[in-house]
Every structure is written in C-alpha cells, then in structure tokens.
C-alpha cells in the first residue's frame, strides 16, 4: 500500500504550513497515472494525522485524468486504455501532459 507514505507526506506538508493552527481540510489533485486509491489514501491520511494539528481534517481528492499529446500529429487526447496510442493517427510516441500530478492544492486552517 503506497498510500501510507503519501498520506504521511501530505500530513507533513499540511501541518508545516498550518504553523500550529488546526488543519480543517486538505485538497489534493491526484493524476490517474499515480495509481492512488482514493479511499485508501483518505484512510491512511486519517491514521497519519492522529495526534497532529491535522487530526480530524477532511480530505478532498480531485482525480486528474491522464492525457497525452501525439508527437506525430499534435493531437491531445485523454488516455483510457493500454497500450496508449493516438486515436487520430495511431502513433504511440506520446508525451504525457496530465495525469502524473500528486499535489496538495489547498489547505484550510482555523484562525
């Protein structure tokens, strides 16, 4: 379960930026290619946040679909199934443009 170290890192980021204030909510943007299971991450966050200023904080996860740009024709497409190929020209030389994110997008704290 790779969600636990991710959750620990998110708690560390949130509590560091909260500077002693209670963390109320953490918003995350997670790309599809990260293969993070949202409920597992939320559970791991709950465990990792115990006895920190983030204990009890809500976690809001926004999934980011994978997308790529074709090197041959320049088309940008959402990637759904392996193997990844351009639907316009069937080329497989693609550059990932979205879907690898793992970002703490926002932190809400109490004043």
PDB file of N, CA and C in Angstrom:
ATOM      1  N   UNK A   1       0.855  -1.186   0.000  1.00  0.00           N
ATOM      2  CA  UNK A   1       0.000   0.000   0.000  1.00  0.00           C
ATOM      3  C   UNK A   1       0.888   1.232   0.000  1.00  0.00           C
ATOM      4  N   UNK A   2       1.034   1.846  -1.156  1.00  0.00           N
ATOM      5  CA  UNK A   2       1.879   3.042  -1.240  1.00  0.00           C
ATOM      6  C   UNK A   2       1.143   4.304  -0.801  1.00  0.00           C
ATOM      7  N   UNK A   3      -0.127   4.188  -0.446  1.00  0.00           N
ATOM      8  CA  UNK A   3      -0.887   5.355   0.016  1.00  0.00           C
ATOM      9  C   UNK A   3      -0.410   5.852   1.377  1.00  0.00           C
ATOM     10  N   UNK A   4       0.113   4.962   2.223  1.00  0.00           N
ATOM     11  CA  UNK A   4       0.534   5.381   3.560  1.00  0.00           C
ATOM     12  C   UNK A   4       1.691   6.384   3.528  1.00  0.00           C
ATOM     13  N   UNK A   5       2.774   6.142   2.786  1.00  0.00           N
ATOM     14  CA  UNK A   5       3.820   7.171   2.746  1.00  0.00           C
ATOM     15  C   UNK A   5       3.351   8.473   2.085  1.00  0.00           C
ATOM     16  N   UNK A   6       2.437   8.366   1.133  1.00  0.00           N
ATOM     17  CA  UNK A   6       1.878   9.576   0.514  1.00  0.00           C
ATOM     18  C   UNK A   6       1.094  10.355   1.563  1.00  0.00           C
ATOM     19  N   UNK A   7       0.273   9.653   2.327  1.00  0.00           N
ATOM     20  CA  UNK A   7      -0.523  10.303   3.373  1.00  0.00           C
ATOM     21  C   UNK A   7       0.374  10.964   4.412  1.00  0.00           C
ATOM     22  N   UNK A   8       1.437  10.289   4.791  1.00  0.00           N
ATOM     23  CA  UNK A   8       2.367  10.877   5.768  1.00  0.00           C
ATOM     24  C   UNK A   8       2.987  12.158   5.228  1.00  0.00           C
ATOM     25  N   UNK A   9       3.338  12.152   3.959  1.00  0.00           N
ATOM     26  CA  UNK A   9       3.920  13.350   3.344  1.00  0.00           C
ATOM     27  C   UNK A   9       2.898  14.488   3.287  1.00  0.00           C
ATOM     28  N   UNK A  10       1.652  14.164   2.966  1.00  0.00           N
ATOM     29  CA  UNK A  10       0.591  15.184   2.900  1.00  0.00           C
ATOM     30  C   UNK A  10       0.361  15.781   4.290  1.00  0.00           C
ATOM     31  N   UNK A  11       0.325  14.946   5.312  1.00  0.00           N
ATOM     32  CA  UNK A  11       0.158  15.439   6.682  1.00  0.00           C
ATOM     33  C   UNK A  11       1.326  16.351   7.050  1.00  0.00           C
ATOM     34  N   UNK A  12       2.538  15.961   6.678  1.00  0.00           N
ATOM     35  CA  UNK A  12       3.713  16.788   6.982  1.00  0.00           C
ATOM     36  C   UNK A  12       3.625  18.151   6.298  1.00  0.00           C
ATOM     37  N   UNK A  13       3.209  18.164   5.045  1.00  0.00           N
ATOM     38  CA  UNK A  13       3.065  19.428   4.313  1.00  0.00           C
ATOM     39  C   UNK A  13       1.988  20.292   4.972  1.00  0.00           C
ATOM     40  N   UNK A  14       0.844  19.680   5.259  1.00  0.00           N
ATOM     41  CA  UNK A  14      -0.282  20.434   5.825  1.00  0.00           C
ATOM     42  C   UNK A  14       0.057  21.014   7.189  1.00  0.00           C
ATOM     43  N   UNK A  15       0.654  20.209   8.062  1.00  0.00           N
ATOM     44  CA  UNK A  15       0.948  20.693   9.413  1.00  0.00           C
ATOM     45  C   UNK A  15       2.066  21.733   9.391  1.00  0.00           C
ATOM     46  N   UNK A  16       3.033  21.576   8.502  1.00  0.00           N
ATOM     47  CA  UNK A  16       4.108  22.569   8.401  1.00  0.00           C
ATOM     48  C   UNK A  16       3.548  23.923   7.972  1.00  0.00           C
ATOM     49  N   UNK A  17       2.667  23.920   6.991  1.00  0.00           N
ATOM     50  CA  UNK A  17       2.110  25.187   6.510  1.00  0.00           C
ATOM     51  C   UNK A  17       1.050  25.758   7.447  1.00  0.00           C
ATOM     52  N   UNK A  18       0.456  24.914   8.269  1.00  0.00           N
ATOM     53  CA  UNK A  18      -0.549  25.392   9.219  1.00  0.00           C
ATOM     54  C   UNK A  18       0.096  26.164  10.378  1.00  0.00           C
ATOM     55  N   UNK A  19       1.374  25.920  10.628  1.00  0.00           N
ATOM     56  CA  UNK A  19       2.120  26.631  11.674  1.00  0.00           C
ATOM     57  C   UNK A  19       1.402  26.623  13.014  1.00  0.00           C
ATOM     58  N   UNK A  20       1.006  25.431  13.437  1.00  0.00           N
ATOM     59  CA  UNK A  20       0.388  25.276  14.747  1.00  0.00           C
ATOM     60  C   UNK A  20      -1.122  25.429  14.773  1.00  0.00           C
ATOM     61  N   UNK A  21      -1.702  25.975  13.718  1.00  0.00           N
ATOM     62  CA  UNK A  21      -3.161  26.081  13.661  1.00  0.00           C
ATOM     63  C   UNK A  21      -3.751  24.737  13.269  1.00  0.00           C
ATOM     64  N   UNK A  22      -5.003  24.516  13.635  1.00  0.00           N
ATOM     65  CA  UNK A  22      -5.667  23.260  13.304  1.00  0.00           C
ATOM     66  C   UNK A  22      -6.003  23.217  11.821  1.00  0.00           C
ATOM     67  N   UNK A  23      -5.647  22.109  11.179  1.00  0.00           N
ATOM     68  CA  UNK A  23      -5.971  21.898   9.772  1.00  0.00           C
ATOM     69  C   UNK A  23      -7.404  21.382   9.691  1.00  0.00           C
ATOM     70  N   UNK A  24      -8.241  22.051   8.905  1.00  0.00           N
ATOM     71  CA  UNK A  24      -9.647  21.696   8.764  1.00  0.00           C
ATOM     72  C   UNK A  24      -9.884  20.842   7.517  1.00  0.00           C
ATOM     73  N   UNK A  25      -9.169  21.172   6.439  1.00  0.00           N
ATOM     74  CA  UNK A  25      -9.397  20.485   5.168  1.00  0.00           C
ATOM     75  C   UNK A  25      -8.112  20.527   4.334  1.00  0.00           C
ATOM     76  N   UNK A  26      -7.899  19.439   3.605  1.00  0.00           N
ATOM     77  CA  UNK A  26      -6.775  19.351   2.676  1.00  0.00           C
ATOM     78  C   UNK A  26      -7.344  18.940   1.323  1.00  0.00           C
ATOM     79  N   UNK A  27      -7.041  19.730   0.292  1.00  0.00           N
ATOM     80  CA  UNK A  27      -7.477  19.422  -1.077  1.00  0.00           C
ATOM     81  C   UNK A  27      -6.290  18.892  -1.862  1.00  0.00           C
ATOM     82  N   UNK A  28      -6.486  17.753  -2.507  1.00  0.00           N
ATOM     83  CA  UNK A  28      -5.436  17.116  -3.289  1.00  0.00           C
ATOM     84  C   UNK A  28      -5.877  16.954  -4.734  1.00  0.00           C
ATOM     85  N   UNK A  29      -4.923  17.067  -5.652  1.00  0.00           N
ATOM     86  CA  UNK A  29      -5.136  16.760  -7.078  1.00  0.00           C
ATOM     87  C   UNK A  29      -4.217  15.582  -7.378  1.00  0.00           C
ATOM     88  N   UNK A  30      -4.833  14.462  -7.774  1.00  0.00           N
ATOM     89  CA  UNK A  30      -4.042  13.252  -7.990  1.00  0.00           C
ATOM     90  C   UNK A  30      -4.308  12.697  -9.377  1.00  0.00           C
ATOM     91  N   UNK A  31      -3.235  12.583 -10.151  1.00  0.00           N
ATOM     92  CA  UNK A  31      -3.327  12.073 -11.504  1.00  0.00           C
ATOM     93  C   UNK A  31      -3.600  10.579 -11.558  1.00  0.00           C
ATOM     94  N   UNK A  32      -4.332  10.182 -12.577  1.00  0.00           N
ATOM     95  CA  UNK A  32      -4.702   8.782 -12.782  1.00  0.00           C
ATOM     96  C   UNK A  32      -3.475   7.866 -12.860  1.00  0.00           C
ATOM     97  N   UNK A  33      -2.400   8.352 -13.443  1.00  0.00           N
ATOM     98  CA  UNK A  33      -1.213   7.518 -13.619  1.00  0.00           C
ATOM     99  C   UNK A  33      -0.471   7.271 -12.312  1.00  0.00           C
ATOM    100  N   UNK A  34      -0.813   7.977 -11.261  1.00  0.00           N
ATOM    101  CA  UNK A  34      -0.217   7.738  -9.935  1.00  0.00           C
ATOM    102  C   UNK A  34      -0.759   6.462  -9.299  1.00  0.00           C
ATOM    103  N   UNK A  35      -1.866   5.978  -9.799  1.00  0.00           N
ATOM    104  CA  UNK A  35      -2.491   4.740  -9.319  1.00  0.00           C
ATOM    105  C   UNK A  35      -2.721   4.759  -7.809  1.00  0.00           C
ATOM    106  N   UNK A  36      -3.230   5.892  -7.339  1.00  0.00           N
ATOM    107  CA  UNK A  36      -3.581   6.041  -5.933  1.00  0.00           C
ATOM    108  C   UNK A  36      -5.048   5.694  -5.773  1.00  0.00           C
ATOM    109  N   UNK A  37      -5.355   4.865  -4.794  1.00  0.00           N
ATOM    110  CA  UNK A  37      -6.736   4.505  -4.496  1.00  0.00           C
ATOM    111  C   UNK A  37      -7.251   5.522  -3.470  1.00  0.00           C
ATOM    112  N   UNK A  38      -8.184   6.360  -3.900  1.00  0.00           N
ATOM    113  CA  UNK A  38      -8.644   7.484  -3.073  1.00  0.00           C
ATOM    114  C   UNK A  38      -9.122   7.060  -1.680  1.00  0.00           C
ATOM    115  N   UNK A  39      -9.993   6.041  -1.553  1.00  0.00           N
ATOM    116  CA  UNK A  39     -10.418   5.657  -0.197  1.00  0.00           C
ATOM    117  C   UNK A  39      -9.254   5.177   0.677  1.00  0.00           C
ATOM    118  N   UNK A  40      -8.288   4.495   0.082  1.00  0.00           N
ATOM    119  CA  UNK A  40      -7.124   4.035   0.844  1.00  0.00           C
ATOM    120  C   UNK A  40      -6.283   5.222   1.297  1.00  0.00           C
ATOM    121  N   UNK A  41      -6.134   6.223   0.438  1.00  0.00           N
ATOM    122  CA  UNK A  41      -5.382   7.419   0.812  1.00  0.00           C
ATOM    123  C   UNK A  41      -6.101   8.181   1.920  1.00  0.00           C
ATOM    124  N   UNK A  42      -7.403   8.308   1.823  1.00  0.00           N
ATOM    125  CA  UNK A  42      -8.167   9.003   2.866  1.00  0.00           C
ATOM    126  C   UNK A  42      -8.019   8.287   4.211  1.00  0.00           C
ATOM    127  N   UNK A  43      -8.071   6.964   4.195  1.00  0.00           N
ATOM    128  CA  UNK A  43      -7.897   6.182   5.425  1.00  0.00           C
ATOM    129  C   UNK A  43      -6.481   6.352   5.972  1.00  0.00           C
ATOM    130  N   UNK A  44      -5.492   6.274   5.096  1.00  0.00           N
ATOM    131  CA  UNK A  44      -4.099   6.442   5.520  1.00  0.00           C
ATOM    132  C   UNK A  44      -3.861   7.847   6.068  1.00  0.00           C
ATOM    133  N   UNK A  45      -4.517   8.857   5.477  1.00  0.00           N
ATOM    134  CA  UNK A  45      -4.401  10.223   5.983  1.00  0.00           C
ATOM    135  C   UNK A  45      -4.952  10.294   7.407  1.00  0.00           C
ATOM    136  N   UNK A  46      -6.108   9.682   7.616  1.00  0.00           N
ATOM    137  CA  UNK A  46      -6.717   9.684   8.951  1.00  0.00           C
ATOM    138  C   UNK A  46      -5.766   9.080   9.979  1.00  0.00           C
ATOM    139  N   UNK A  47      -5.143   7.963   9.633  1.00  0.00           N
ATOM    140  CA  UNK A  47      -4.194   7.322  10.544  1.00  0.00           C
ATOM    141  C   UNK A  47      -2.968   8.198  10.777  1.00  0.00           C
ATOM    142  N   UNK A  48      -2.438   8.760   9.706  1.00  0.00           N
ATOM    143  CA  UNK A  48      -1.215   9.559   9.788  1.00  0.00           C
ATOM    144  C   UNK A  48      -1.421  10.882  10.518  1.00  0.00           C
ATOM    145  N   UNK A  49      -2.637  11.395  10.490  1.00  0.00           N
ATOM    146  CA  UNK A  49      -2.922  12.699  11.102  1.00  0.00           C
ATOM    147  C   UNK A  49      -3.181  12.617  12.602  1.00  0.00           C
ATOM    148  N   UNK A  50      -3.305  11.411  13.134  1.00  0.00           N
ATOM    149  CA  UNK A  50      -3.565  11.279  14.579  1.00  0.00           C
ATOM    150  C   UNK A  50      -2.486  11.989  15.386  1.00  0.00           C
ATOM    151  N   UNK A  51      -2.958  12.718  16.401  1.00  0.00           N
ATOM    152  CA  UNK A  51      -2.100  13.454  17.330  1.00  0.00           C
ATOM    153  C   UNK A  51      -1.262  14.531  16.636  1.00  0.00           C
ATOM    154  N   UNK A  52      -1.795  15.063  15.526  1.00  0.00           N
ATOM    155  CA  UNK A  52      -1.176  16.217  14.859  1.00  0.00           C
ATOM    156  C   UNK A  52      -2.242  17.297  14.734  1.00  0.00           C
ATOM    157  N   UNK A  53      -1.853  18.453  14.246  1.00  0.00           N
ATOM    158  CA  UNK A  53      -2.827  19.529  14.046  1.00  0.00           C
ATOM    159  C   UNK A  53      -3.771  19.231  12.880  1.00  0.00           C
ATOM    160  N   UNK A  54      -3.516  18.145  12.147  1.00  0.00           N
ATOM    161  CA  UNK A  54      -4.394  17.752  11.032  1.00  0.00           C
ATOM    162  C   UNK A  54      -5.382  16.665  11.430  1.00  0.00           C
ATOM    163  N   UNK A  55      -5.371  16.261  12.696  1.00  0.00           N
ATOM    164  CA  UNK A  55      -6.304  15.214  13.125  1.00  0.00           C
ATOM    165  C   UNK A  55      -7.743  15.688  12.918  1.00  0.00           C
ATOM    166  N   UNK A  56      -8.542  14.854  12.271  1.00  0.00           N
ATOM    167  CA  UNK A  56      -9.942  15.172  12.006  1.00  0.00           C
ATOM    168  C   UNK A  56     -10.172  16.005  10.750  1.00  0.00           C
ATOM    169  N   UNK A  57      -9.109  16.377  10.056  1.00  0.00           N
ATOM    170  CA  UNK A  57      -9.253  17.188   8.846  1.00  0.00           C
ATOM    171  C   UNK A  57      -9.919  16.384   7.734  1.00  0.00           C
ATOM    172  N   UNK A  58     -10.734  17.052   6.948  1.00  0.00           N
ATOM    173  CA  UNK A  58     -11.353  16.428   5.784  1.00  0.00           C
ATOM    174  C   UNK A  58     -10.338  16.400   4.649  1.00  0.00           C
ATOM    175  N   UNK A  59     -10.393  15.353   3.866  1.00  0.00           N
ATOM    176  CA  UNK A  59      -9.516  15.225   2.698  1.00  0.00           C
ATOM    177  C   UNK A  59     -10.407  15.209   1.468  1.00  0.00           C
ATOM    178  N   UNK A  60     -10.143  16.129   0.553  1.00  0.00           N
ATOM    179  CA  UNK A  60     -10.910  16.205  -0.695  1.00  0.00           C
ATOM    180  C   UNK A  60      -9.950  15.887  -1.836  1.00  0.00           C
ATOM    181  N   UNK A  61     -10.248  14.814  -2.579  1.00  0.00           N
ATOM    182  CA  UNK A  61      -9.365  14.363  -3.649  1.00  0.00           C
ATOM    183  C   UNK A  61     -10.029  14.610  -4.995  1.00  0.00           C
ATOM    184  N   UNK A  62      -9.338  15.368  -5.833  1.00  0.00           N
ATOM    185  CA  UNK A  62      -9.805  15.626  -7.195  1.00  0.00           C
ATOM    186  C   UNK A  62      -8.968  14.769  -8.134  1.00  0.00           C
ATOM    187  N   UNK A  63      -9.592  13.797  -8.804  1.00  0.00           N
ATOM    188  CA  UNK A  63      -8.831  12.977  -9.742  1.00  0.00           C
ATOM    189  C   UNK A  63      -8.536  13.746 -11.028  1.00  0.00           C
ATOM    190  N   UNK A  64      -7.338  13.552 -11.566  1.00  0.00           N
ATOM    191  CA  UNK A  64      -6.932  14.203 -12.810  1.00  0.00           C
ATOM    192  C   UNK A  64      -6.759  13.105 -13.862  1.00  0.00           C
ATOM    193  N   UNK A  65      -7.583  13.120 -14.914  1.00  0.00           N
ATOM    194  CA  UNK A  65      -7.454  12.092 -15.950  1.00  0.00           C
ATOM    195  C   UNK A  65      -6.104  12.205 -16.665  1.00  0.00           C
ATOM    196  N   UNK A  66      -5.618  11.077 -17.125  1.00  0.00           N
ATOM    197  CA  UNK A  66      -4.369  11.068 -17.892  1.00  0.00           C
ATOM    198  C   UNK A  66      -4.637  11.588 -19.300  1.00  0.00           C
ATOM    199  N   UNK A  67      -3.717  12.389 -19.816  1.00  0.00           N
ATOM    200  CA  UNK A  67      -3.827  12.906 -21.177  1.00  0.00           C
ATOM    201  C   UNK A  67      -2.435  13.014 -21.766  1.00  0.00           C
ATOM    202  N   UNK A  68      -2.372  12.912 -23.095  1.00  0.00           N
ATOM    203  CA  UNK A  68      -1.086  12.982 -23.790  1.00  0.00           C
ATOM    204  C   UNK A  68      -1.229  13.738 -25.096  1.00  0.00           C
ATOM    205  N   UNK A  69      -0.076  14.218 -25.598  1.00  0.00           N
ATOM    206  CA  UNK A  69      -0.016  14.891 -26.894  1.00  0.00           C
ATOM    207  C   UNK A  69       0.804  14.005 -27.831  1.00  0.00           C
ATOM    208  N   UNK A  70       0.295  13.824 -29.029  1.00  0.00           N
ATOM    209  CA  UNK A  70       0.933  12.984 -30.034  1.00  0.00           C
ATOM    210  C   UNK A  70       2.107  13.735 -30.668  1.00  0.00           C
ATOM    211  N   UNK A  71       3.260  13.069 -30.753  1.00  0.00           N
ATOM    212  CA  UNK A  71       4.441  13.681 -31.380  1.00  0.00           C
ATOM    213  C   UNK A  71       4.281  13.800 -32.886  1.00  0.00           C
ATOM    214  N   UNK A  72       3.478  12.939 -33.489  1.00  0.00           N
ATOM    215  CA  UNK A  72       3.333  12.937 -34.947  1.00  0.00           C
ATOM    216  C   UNK A  72       2.333  13.979 -35.437  1.00  0.00           C
ATOM    217  N   UNK A  73       1.138  14.005 -34.848  1.00  0.00           N
ATOM    218  CA  UNK A  73       0.088  14.891 -35.381  1.00  0.00           C
ATOM    219  C   UNK A  73      -0.290  16.033 -34.438  1.00  0.00           C
ATOM    220  N   UNK A  74       0.210  15.999 -33.185  1.00  0.00           N
ATOM    221  CA  UNK A  74      -0.063  17.078 -32.245  1.00  0.00           C
ATOM    222  C   UNK A  74      -1.395  16.985 -31.523  1.00  0.00           C
ATOM    223  N   UNK A  75      -2.182  15.957 -31.808  1.00  0.00           N
ATOM    224  CA  UNK A  75      -3.478  15.809 -31.139  1.00  0.00           C
ATOM    225  C   UNK A  75      -3.271  15.544 -29.654  1.00  0.00           C
ATOM    226  N   UNK A  76      -4.149  16.127 -28.845  1.00  0.00           N
ATOM    227  CA  UNK A  76      -4.137  15.840 -27.406  1.00  0.00           C
ATOM    228  C   UNK A  76      -5.350  14.990 -27.091  1.00  0.00           C
ATOM    229  N   UNK A  77      -5.137  13.950 -26.311  1.00  0.00           N
ATOM    230  CA  UNK A  77      -6.220  13.021 -26.029  1.00  0.00           C
ATOM    231  C   UNK A  77      -6.160  12.514 -24.608  1.00  0.00           C
ATOM    232  N   UNK A  78      -7.314  12.168 -24.058  1.00  0.00           N
ATOM    233  CA  UNK A  78      -7.388  11.521 -22.753  1.00  0.00           C
ATOM    234  C   UNK A  78      -7.009  10.066 -22.957  1.00  0.00           C
ATOM    235  N   UNK A  79      -6.180   9.564 -22.057  1.00  0.00           N
ATOM    236  CA  UNK A  79      -5.709   8.184 -22.144  1.00  0.00           C
ATOM    237  C   UNK A  79      -6.577   7.304 -21.256  1.00  0.00           C
ATOM    238  N   UNK A  80      -7.192   6.310 -21.848  1.00  0.00           N
ATOM    239  CA  UNK A  80      -8.063   5.430 -21.087  1.00  0.00           C
ATOM    240  C   UNK A  80      -7.514   4.022 -20.936  1.00  0.00           C
ATOM    241  N   UNK A  81      -7.060   3.440 -22.026  1.00  0.00           N
ATOM    242  CA  UNK A  81      -6.660   2.043 -22.006  1.00  0.00           C
ATOM    243  C   UNK A  81      -5.263   1.853 -22.556  1.00  0.00           C
ATOM    244  N   UNK A  82      -4.580   0.825 -22.033  1.00  0.00           N
ATOM    245  CA  UNK A  82      -3.269   0.438 -22.555  1.00  0.00           C
ATOM    246  C   UNK A  82      -3.480  -0.412 -23.805  1.00  0.00           C
ATOM    247  N   UNK A  83      -2.612  -0.440 -24.766  1.00  0.00           N
ATOM    248  CA  UNK A  83      -1.466   0.460 -24.850  1.00  0.00           C
ATOM    249  C   UNK A  83      -1.916   1.847 -25.291  1.00  0.00           C
ATOM    250  N   UNK A  84      -1.221   2.864 -24.813  1.00  0.00           N
ATOM    251  CA  UNK A  84      -1.573   4.229 -25.167  1.00  0.00           C
ATOM    252  C   UNK A  84      -1.183   4.498 -26.613  1.00  0.00           C
ATOM    253  N   UNK A  85      -2.133   5.012 -27.380  1.00  0.00           N
ATOM    254  CA  UNK A  85      -1.889   5.369 -28.777  1.00  0.00           C
ATOM    255  C   UNK A  85      -2.790   6.538 -29.141  1.00  0.00           C
ATOM    256  N   UNK A  86      -2.346   7.340 -30.080  1.00  0.00           N
ATOM    257  CA  UNK A  86      -3.121   8.485 -30.552  1.00  0.00           C
ATOM    258  C   UNK A  86      -4.346   7.974 -31.310  1.00  0.00           C
ATOM    259  N   UNK A  87      -5.535   8.403 -30.925  1.00  0.00           N
ATOM    260  CA  UNK A  87      -6.729   7.958 -31.639  1.00  0.00           C
ATOM    261  C   UNK A  87      -6.849   8.568 -33.041  1.00  0.00           C
ATOM    262  N   UNK A  88      -6.141   9.676 -33.280  1.00  0.00           N
ATOM    263  CA  UNK A  88      -6.225  10.336 -34.583  1.00  0.00           C
ATOM    264  C   UNK A  88      -5.345   9.648 -35.630  1.00  0.00           C
ATOM    265  N   UNK A  89      -4.128   9.223 -35.212  1.00  0.00           N
ATOM    266  CA  UNK A  89      -3.195   8.669 -36.204  1.00  0.00           C
ATOM    267  C   UNK A  89      -2.571   7.330 -35.797  1.00  0.00           C
ATOM    268  N   UNK A  90      -2.927   6.813 -34.633  1.00  0.00           N
ATOM    269  CA  UNK A  90      -2.457   5.539 -34.057  1.00  0.00           C
ATOM    270  C   UNK A  90      -0.984   5.534 -33.648  1.00  0.00           C
ATOM    271  N   UNK A  91      -0.318   6.673 -33.715  1.00  0.00           N
ATOM    272  CA  UNK A  91       1.075   6.767 -33.285  1.00  0.00           C
ATOM    273  C   UNK A  91       1.163   6.499 -31.781  1.00  0.00           C
ATOM    274  N   UNK A  92       2.243   5.875 -31.348  1.00  0.00           N
ATOM    275  CA  UNK A  92       2.436   5.587 -29.918  1.00  0.00           C
ATOM    276  C   UNK A  92       3.499   6.472 -29.277  1.00  0.00           C
ATOM    277  N   UNK A  93       4.022   7.430 -30.032  1.00  0.00           N
ATOM    278  CA  UNK A  93       5.005   8.369 -29.493  1.00  0.00           C
ATOM    279  C   UNK A  93       4.241   9.538 -28.874  1.00  0.00           C
ATOM    280  N   UNK A  94       3.911   9.389 -27.595  1.00  0.00           N
ATOM    281  CA  UNK A  94       3.081  10.368 -26.884  1.00  0.00           C
ATOM    282  C   UNK A  94       3.860  10.998 -25.746  1.00  0.00           C
ATOM    283  N   UNK A  95       3.537  12.247 -25.463  1.00  0.00           N
ATOM    284  CA  UNK A  95       4.085  12.952 -24.312  1.00  0.00           C
ATOM    285  C   UNK A  95       2.957  13.174 -23.325  1.00  0.00           C
ATOM    286  N   UNK A  96       3.147  12.699 -22.115  1.00  0.00           N
ATOM    287  CA  UNK A  96       2.130  12.869 -21.072  1.00  0.00           C
ATOM    288  C   UNK A  96       2.042  14.350 -20.713  1.00  0.00           C
ATOM    289  N   UNK A  97       0.821  14.896 -20.721  1.00  0.00           N
ATOM    290  CA  UNK A  97       0.616  16.304 -20.363  1.00  0.00           C
ATOM    291  C   UNK A  97      -0.205  16.466 -19.078  1.00  0.00           C
ATOM    292  N   UNK A  98      -0.910  15.438 -18.676  1.00  0.00           N
ATOM    293  CA  UNK A  98      -1.679  15.437 -17.425  1.00  0.00           C
ATOM    294  C   UNK A  98      -1.786  14.002 -16.933  1.00  0.00           C
ATOM    295  N   UNK A  99      -1.967  13.879 -15.632  1.00  0.00           N
ATOM    296  CA  UNK A  99      -2.222  12.561 -15.069  1.00  0.00           C
ATOM    297  C   UNK A  99      -1.131  12.043 -14.170  1.00  0.00           C
ATOM    298  N   UNK A 100      -0.022  12.783 -14.064  1.00  0.00           N
ATOM    299  CA  UNK A 100       1.053  12.373 -13.168  1.00  0.00           C
ATOM    300  C   UNK A 100       1.112  13.232 -11.902  1.00  0.00           C
ATOM    301  N   UNK A 101       0.140  14.137 -11.755  1.00  0.00           N
ATOM    302  CA  UNK A 101       0.131  15.057 -10.613  1.00  0.00           C
ATOM    303  C   UNK A 101      -0.073  14.313  -9.293  1.00  0.00           C
ATOM    304  N   UNK A 102       0.506  14.867  -8.267  1.00  0.00           N
ATOM    305  CA  UNK A 102       0.200  14.495  -6.891  1.00  0.00           C
ATOM    306  C   UNK A 102       0.473  15.764  -6.096  1.00  0.00           C
ATOM    307  N   UNK A 103      -0.552  16.607  -5.997  1.00  0.00           N
ATOM    308  CA  UNK A 103      -0.384  17.957  -5.464  1.00  0.00           C
ATOM    309  C   UNK A 103      -1.280  18.233  -4.266  1.00  0.00           C
ATOM    310  N   UNK A 104      -0.711  18.885  -3.265  1.00  0.00           N
ATOM    311  CA  UNK A 104      -1.533  19.483  -2.216  1.00  0.00           C
ATOM    312  C   UNK A 104      -1.990  20.813  -2.809  1.00  0.00           C
ATOM    313  N   UNK A 105      -3.242  20.862  -3.185  1.00  0.00           N
ATOM    314  CA  UNK A 105      -3.786  22.025  -3.904  1.00  0.00           C
ATOM    315  C   UNK A 105      -4.171  23.164  -2.958  1.00  0.00           C
ATOM    316  N   UNK A 106      -4.705  22.807  -1.782  1.00  0.00           N
ATOM    317  CA  UNK A 106      -5.133  23.827  -0.812  1.00  0.00           C
ATOM    318  C   UNK A 106      -5.192  23.224   0.576  1.00  0.00           C
ATOM    319  N   UNK A 107      -4.981  24.080   1.550  1.00  0.00           N
ATOM    320  CA  UNK A 107      -5.097  23.689   2.959  1.00  0.00           C
ATOM    321  C   UNK A 107      -5.950  24.734   3.648  1.00  0.00           C
ATOM    322  N   UNK A 108      -6.997  24.285   4.318  1.00  0.00           N
ATOM    323  CA  UNK A 108      -7.831  25.201   5.095  1.00  0.00           C
ATOM    324  C   UNK A 108      -7.495  25.008   6.567  1.00  0.00           C
ATOM    325  N   UNK A 109      -7.216  26.121   7.259  1.00  0.00           N
ATOM    326  CA  UNK A 109      -6.872  26.065   8.682  1.00  0.00           C
ATOM    327  C   UNK A 109      -7.811  26.975   9.466  1.00  0.00           C
ATOM    328  N   UNK A 110      -7.901  26.710  10.768  1.00  0.00           N
ATOM    329  CA  UNK A 110      -8.662  27.587  11.654  1.00  0.00           C
ATOM    330  C   UNK A 110      -7.814  28.795  12.006  1.00  0.00           C
ATOM    331  N   UNK A 111      -8.465  29.930  12.160  1.00  0.00           N
ATOM    332  CA  UNK A 111      -7.732  31.137  12.581  1.00  0.00           C
ATOM    333  C   UNK A 111      -7.493  31.156  14.060  1.00  0.00           C
TER     334      UNK A 111
END
